[in-house]
Amino acid sequence: MALQEKLDKFKKQQQKCQSTLIRIGASTEPKHTQKAVSAAALVNATPSTPTVKFSSDVARFQRIYSVRKSPVGAQIKHVIDLLLEKRQALTAEQINKACYVDVNANKAVFDSLRNNLKVNYNGKRFSYKSKHDLKNKSELLNLIRKFPDGIDVIDLKDACPNVMKDLQALKASSQIWLLSNFNSKEDIAYPNDPKVSIQVDDELKQLFRGTKLPRDMIDMEKYLQKNGDKPVTNTAKRRAMAQVHNIPFKPKIKRKKQREITKRTKLTNTHLPELFQILNGS
């Protein structure tokens, strides 16, 4: 026991001496070293300010120079594209900041914008003016229903930001028809409303009724392709597959129209008078 007590006492003395040496070393450390470390930590703690590269600044000035030296029509297009994209009323200063067109400094640009059909100017701000001002899909449908003879899709493209998606959605829900114009290849929107009465010209009716269509579907598909239309069916392929699987082809037989019973009709089943009540009533 005496030996163990002496060992414990010796360990305590060692720990005390070590802590004393640490305090002495800390007190004798040079002050300029501490200041240097604190200064370095301060520099690292402060956020670095973003620097503008010289090359990017030169590119921006070149862009400004090219825009302002461009023709008046090109500058007007820059402004109209900006107004169409933003869909907001912008001042001349905001336009200059966004697309580098200085409207106030160029009188020709200012006068052209003020008198442009696609631009609305209230004396201070410029905004985009579409032919049809629409807000949502329901307003688009109501507008199309006002034109039973159809409305050009090109007149609707700038009505609202999502107008093309709304047109496809209305077409998918069978609320409108989208048909292509044969001459201009532009789509025309028609309302698909049974309440709308559409008047068809008599000459068009006669042309439709007098047109003879091919009897065979292959000839019909060739006729459609000749006129630039893509047929939905492929009869030649279907018949070839039928021959591979030994399925006989049965052409459709044109049935004669059943005659109506009149007084001149020769009756054979006279013992069934209930079949001829129509004749007796007439």
Protein backbone atom coordinates (compact mmCIF):
# COMPACT_ATOMS: atom_id res chain seq x y z
CA MET A 1 0.00 0.00 0.00
CA ALA A 2 2.80 2.44 0.77
CA LEU A 3 4.35 1.79 -2.66
CA GLN A 4 1.04 2.44 -4.46
CA GLU A 5 0.54 5.72 -2.61
CA LYS A 6 3.99 6.88 -3.62
CA LEU A 7 3.29 6.09 -7.31
CA ASP A 8 0.04 8.05 -7.28
CA LYS A 9 1.75 11.02 -5.69
CA PHE A 10 4.50 10.90 -8.31
CA LYS A 11 1.95 10.95 -11.19
CA LYS A 12 0.21 13.98 -9.71
CA GLN A 13 3.49 15.85 -9.47
CA GLN A 14 4.22 15.08 -13.15
CA GLN A 15 0.84 16.40 -14.27
CA LYS A 16 1.35 19.57 -12.25
CA CYS A 17 4.78 20.18 -13.76
CA GLN A 18 3.44 19.64 -17.30
CA SER A 19 0.61 22.15 -16.85
CA THR A 20 3.09 24.69 -15.47
CA LEU A 21 5.37 24.31 -18.50
CA ILE A 22 2.41 24.86 -20.86
CA ARG A 23 1.47 28.14 -19.12
CA ILE A 24 5.04 29.37 -19.28
CA GLY A 25 5.30 28.60 -23.03
CA ALA A 26 2.06 30.40 -23.80
CA SER A 27 3.11 33.54 -21.90
CA THR A 28 6.49 33.74 -23.70
CA GLU A 29 4.99 33.49 -27.33
CA PRO A 30 5.73 36.70 -29.42
CA LYS A 31 2.81 39.12 -29.73
CA HIS A 32 3.50 39.95 -33.40
CA THR A 33 2.84 36.29 -34.29
CA GLN A 34 -0.59 36.43 -32.69
CA LYS A 35 -1.45 39.66 -34.55
CA ALA A 36 -0.40 38.13 -37.87
CA VAL A 37 -2.59 35.08 -37.30
CA SER A 38 -5.62 37.21 -36.32
CA ALA A 39 -5.12 39.49 -39.34
CA ALA A 40 -4.97 36.50 -41.70
CA ALA A 41 -8.14 35.08 -40.17
CA LEU A 42 -9.86 38.48 -40.60
CA VAL A 43 -8.92 38.62 -44.29
CA ASN A 44 -10.23 35.12 -44.88
CA ALA A 45 -13.47 35.90 -43.08
CA THR A 46 -14.39 38.95 -45.24
CA PRO A 47 -16.34 37.98 -48.39
CA SER A 48 -14.61 38.65 -51.68
CA THR A 49 -16.33 41.19 -53.94
CA PRO A 50 -17.20 39.92 -57.45
CA THR A 51 -14.84 41.19 -60.09
CA VAL A 52 -15.97 42.08 -63.60
CA LYS A 53 -13.83 40.59 -66.29
CA PHE A 54 -12.51 42.98 -68.88
CA SER A 55 -13.43 40.67 -71.73
CA SER A 56 -17.12 40.46 -70.72
CA ASP A 57 -17.32 44.23 -70.36
CA VAL A 58 -15.91 44.69 -73.87
CA ALA A 59 -18.45 42.21 -75.25
CA ARG A 60 -21.30 44.15 -73.63
CA PHE A 61 -20.12 47.44 -75.15
CA GLN A 62 -19.81 45.76 -78.55
CA ARG A 63 -23.38 44.51 -78.22
CA ILE A 64 -24.65 48.00 -77.33
CA TYR A 65 -22.77 49.52 -80.26
CA SER A 66 -24.10 46.95 -82.75
CA VAL A 67 -27.72 47.39 -81.58
CA ARG A 68 -27.68 51.19 -81.69
CA LYS A 69 -25.97 51.27 -85.09
CA SER A 70 -28.46 48.78 -86.57
CA PRO A 71 -31.36 49.96 -88.81
CA VAL A 72 -34.51 51.38 -87.27
CA GLY A 73 -36.51 48.30 -88.23
CA ALA A 74 -34.09 45.99 -86.44
CA GLN A 75 -34.22 48.09 -83.27
CA ILE A 76 -38.03 48.10 -83.36
CA LYS A 77 -38.02 44.31 -83.66
CA HIS A 78 -35.78 44.09 -80.57
CA VAL A 79 -38.26 46.18 -78.61
CA ILE A 80 -41.38 44.33 -79.83
CA ASP A 81 -39.79 40.95 -79.05
CA LEU A 82 -38.97 42.22 -75.55
CA LEU A 83 -42.52 43.50 -74.96
CA LEU A 84 -43.98 40.22 -76.24
CA GLU A 85 -41.72 38.22 -73.92
CA LYS A 86 -42.29 40.34 -70.80
CA ARG A 87 -46.01 41.07 -71.31
CA GLN A 88 -45.54 44.16 -69.16
CA ALA A 89 -45.63 47.92 -69.67
CA LEU A 90 -42.02 49.17 -69.76
CA THR A 91 -40.53 52.64 -69.72
CA ALA A 92 -37.89 53.83 -72.19
CA GLU A 93 -35.21 53.43 -69.52
CA GLN A 94 -36.25 49.82 -68.81
CA ILE A 95 -36.19 49.03 -72.54
CA ASN A 96 -32.72 50.55 -72.84
CA LYS A 97 -31.47 48.48 -69.93
CA ALA A 98 -32.99 45.25 -71.24
CA CYS A 99 -32.17 45.32 -74.98
CA TYR A 100 -29.87 48.41 -75.35
CA VAL A 101 -32.32 50.30 -77.61
CA ASP A 102 -32.25 53.97 -76.56
CA VAL A 103 -35.79 55.00 -77.45
CA ASN A 104 -35.49 58.55 -76.12
CA ALA A 105 -32.26 59.29 -78.00
CA ASN A 106 -33.52 57.99 -81.37
CA LYS A 107 -36.55 59.95 -82.62
CA ALA A 108 -37.15 57.62 -85.58
CA VAL A 109 -37.38 54.60 -83.27
CA PHE A 110 -39.63 56.46 -80.84
CA ASP A 111 -42.07 57.61 -83.55
CA SER A 112 -42.18 54.18 -85.17
CA LEU A 113 -42.91 52.46 -81.87
CA ARG A 114 -45.59 54.96 -80.95
CA ASN A 115 -47.41 54.38 -84.27
CA ASN A 116 -46.81 50.62 -84.47
CA LEU A 117 -49.91 48.39 -84.55
CA LYS A 118 -48.28 45.91 -82.17
CA VAL A 119 -47.32 48.51 -79.55
CA ASN A 120 -49.48 50.43 -77.11
CA TYR A 121 -48.06 53.71 -75.74
CA ASN A 122 -49.82 55.56 -72.91
CA GLY A 123 -47.48 58.56 -72.85
CA LYS A 124 -44.94 57.01 -70.51
CA ARG A 125 -44.80 53.24 -70.95
CA PHE A 126 -44.75 50.87 -73.91
CA SER A 127 -46.60 47.54 -73.93
CA TYR A 128 -47.40 44.81 -76.43
CA LYS A 129 -50.80 45.00 -78.15
CA SER A 130 -52.16 41.74 -79.60
CA LYS A 131 -55.04 41.50 -82.04
CA HIS A 132 -57.09 39.52 -79.51
CA ASP A 133 -56.45 40.15 -75.83
CA LEU A 134 -57.05 36.85 -74.04
CA LYS A 135 -56.30 35.71 -70.50
CA ASN A 136 -57.08 31.98 -70.38
CA LYS A 137 -58.42 28.98 -72.29
CA SER A 138 -62.10 29.74 -71.63
CA GLU A 139 -61.77 33.17 -73.22
CA LEU A 140 -60.03 31.54 -76.19
CA LEU A 141 -62.93 29.11 -76.65
CA ASN A 142 -65.50 31.90 -76.43
CA LEU A 143 -63.60 33.87 -79.08
CA ILE A 144 -63.45 30.91 -81.49
CA ARG A 145 -67.19 30.32 -81.07
CA LYS A 146 -67.81 33.86 -82.31
CA PHE A 147 -66.28 32.85 -85.66
CA PRO A 148 -68.34 29.94 -87.04
CA ASP A 149 -66.56 30.33 -90.42
CA GLY A 150 -63.19 29.88 -88.71
CA ILE A 151 -60.42 32.11 -87.37
CA ASP A 152 -56.78 32.03 -88.44
CA VAL A 153 -54.45 30.56 -85.84
CA ILE A 154 -51.79 33.09 -86.85
CA ASP A 155 -54.05 35.80 -85.40
CA LEU A 156 -54.15 33.93 -82.07
CA LYS A 157 -50.47 33.10 -81.59
CA ASP A 158 -49.72 36.29 -79.62
CA ALA A 159 -53.05 36.49 -77.76
CA CYS A 160 -51.64 34.91 -74.57
CA PRO A 161 -48.44 33.05 -73.61
CA ASN A 162 -49.88 29.49 -73.66
CA VAL A 163 -52.30 29.90 -76.55
CA MET A 164 -50.84 27.06 -78.68
CA LYS A 165 -51.10 24.59 -75.79
CA ASP A 166 -54.66 25.75 -75.13
CA LEU A 167 -55.57 25.21 -78.79
CA GLN A 168 -54.24 21.65 -78.70
CA ALA A 169 -56.11 21.01 -75.44
CA LEU A 170 -59.38 22.29 -76.94
CA LYS A 171 -58.81 20.13 -80.00
CA ALA A 172 -58.12 17.05 -77.84
CA SER A 173 -61.38 17.63 -75.95
CA SER A 174 -63.29 17.93 -79.29
CA GLN A 175 -64.39 21.47 -78.54
CA ILE A 176 -62.78 22.92 -81.67
CA TRP A 177 -61.44 21.75 -85.04
CA LEU A 178 -58.00 22.67 -86.37
CA LEU A 179 -57.90 22.41 -90.15
CA SER A 180 -55.10 23.44 -92.51
CA ASN A 181 -55.65 25.91 -95.29
CA PHE A 182 -54.78 24.35 -98.65
CA ASN A 183 -53.22 27.56 -100.02
CA SER A 184 -51.31 29.06 -97.09
CA LYS A 185 -50.78 25.82 -95.09
CA GLU A 186 -51.84 27.75 -91.98
CA ASP A 187 -54.25 26.23 -89.46
CA ILE A 188 -57.76 27.57 -89.02
CA ALA A 189 -59.71 27.06 -85.80
CA TYR A 190 -63.40 26.17 -86.10
CA PRO A 191 -65.86 25.81 -83.22
CA ASN A 192 -67.23 22.31 -82.72
CA ASP A 193 -70.54 23.41 -81.24
CA PRO A 194 -73.77 21.70 -82.38
CA LYS A 195 -75.72 24.85 -81.51
CA VAL A 196 -73.83 26.87 -84.11
CA SER A 197 -75.67 26.96 -87.44
CA ILE A 198 -73.29 26.95 -90.42
CA GLN A 199 -74.66 27.90 -93.81
CA VAL A 200 -73.13 26.03 -96.74
CA ASP A 201 -73.23 27.47 -100.23
CA ASP A 202 -75.46 25.60 -102.70
CA GLU A 203 -72.66 25.40 -105.22
CA LEU A 204 -70.46 23.69 -102.66
CA LYS A 205 -73.25 21.23 -101.86
CA GLN A 206 -73.63 20.32 -105.54
CA LEU A 207 -69.89 19.94 -105.89
CA PHE A 208 -69.76 17.62 -102.89
CA ARG A 209 -72.70 15.50 -104.03
CA GLY A 210 -71.53 15.34 -107.63
CA THR A 211 -68.00 14.17 -106.83
CA LYS A 212 -67.56 10.47 -107.55
CA LEU A 213 -65.17 8.69 -105.24
CA PRO A 214 -63.16 5.56 -106.15
CA ARG A 215 -64.80 2.28 -105.20
CA ASP A 216 -61.59 0.58 -104.08
CA MET A 217 -59.83 1.85 -100.97
CA ILE A 218 -56.40 1.53 -102.63
CA ASP A 219 -57.53 3.93 -105.35
CA MET A 220 -58.93 6.21 -102.66
CA GLU A 221 -55.59 6.29 -100.81
CA LYS A 222 -53.73 7.03 -104.06
CA TYR A 223 -56.14 9.87 -104.75
CA LEU A 224 -55.52 11.35 -101.30
CA GLN A 225 -51.74 11.10 -101.69
CA LYS A 226 -51.95 12.72 -105.12
CA ASN A 227 -53.68 15.74 -103.54
CA GLY A 228 -51.11 16.05 -100.76
CA ASP A 229 -53.12 14.36 -97.99
CA LYS A 230 -51.89 11.46 -95.88
CA PRO A 231 -54.42 8.62 -95.66
CA VAL A 232 -55.09 7.12 -92.27
CA THR A 233 -55.49 3.58 -93.58
CA ASN A 234 -53.04 1.37 -95.49
CA THR A 235 -55.20 -1.04 -97.44
CA ALA A 236 -52.36 -2.54 -99.50
CA LYS A 237 -50.45 -3.53 -96.35
CA ARG A 238 -53.60 -4.89 -94.72
CA ARG A 239 -54.42 -7.04 -97.73
CA ALA A 240 -50.83 -8.32 -97.92
CA MET A 241 -50.99 -9.37 -94.27
CA ALA A 242 -54.33 -11.06 -94.94
CA GLN A 243 -52.80 -13.08 -97.77
CA VAL A 244 -49.93 -14.18 -95.53
CA HIS A 245 -52.44 -15.49 -92.97
CA ASN A 246 -54.67 -17.02 -95.71
CA ILE A 247 -57.57 -14.72 -94.95
CA PRO A 248 -59.71 -14.32 -98.10
CA PHE A 249 -60.46 -10.80 -99.24
CA LYS A 250 -64.13 -10.05 -99.64
CA PRO A 251 -64.85 -6.83 -101.53
CA LYS A 252 -67.84 -4.88 -100.37
CA ILE A 253 -70.87 -5.44 -102.56
CA LYS A 254 -73.03 -2.45 -103.18
CA ARG A 255 -76.52 -3.32 -102.07
CA LYS A 256 -79.50 -2.10 -103.97
CA LYS A 257 -81.85 0.21 -102.20
CA GLN A 258 -84.91 -1.67 -100.99
CA ARG A 259 -88.08 -0.58 -102.70
CA GLU A 260 -90.96 0.71 -100.67
CA ILE A 261 -94.32 -1.02 -100.87
CA THR A 262 -96.83 0.91 -102.97
CA LYS A 263 -100.28 0.18 -104.37
CA ARG A 264 -98.72 -1.06 -107.61
CA THR A 265 -96.59 -3.64 -105.80
CA LYS A 266 -97.68 -7.20 -106.51
CA LEU A 267 -98.63 -8.77 -103.21
CA THR A 268 -98.17 -12.48 -102.62
CA ASN A 269 -98.67 -12.83 -98.87
CA THR A 270 -102.28 -11.67 -98.84
CA HIS A 271 -103.05 -14.00 -95.97
CA LEU A 272 -100.99 -11.70 -93.68
CA PRO A 273 -102.97 -8.45 -93.72
CA GLU A 274 -101.02 -6.93 -90.81
CA LEU A 275 -98.03 -6.50 -93.14
CA PHE A 276 -99.94 -4.14 -95.38
CA GLN A 277 -101.54 -1.77 -92.91
CA ILE A 278 -99.47 1.05 -94.43
CA LEU A 279 -101.22 0.59 -97.77
CA ASN A 280 -104.64 0.52 -96.17
CA GLY A 281 -103.93 3.70 -94.25
CA SER A 282 -102.79 5.53 -97.37
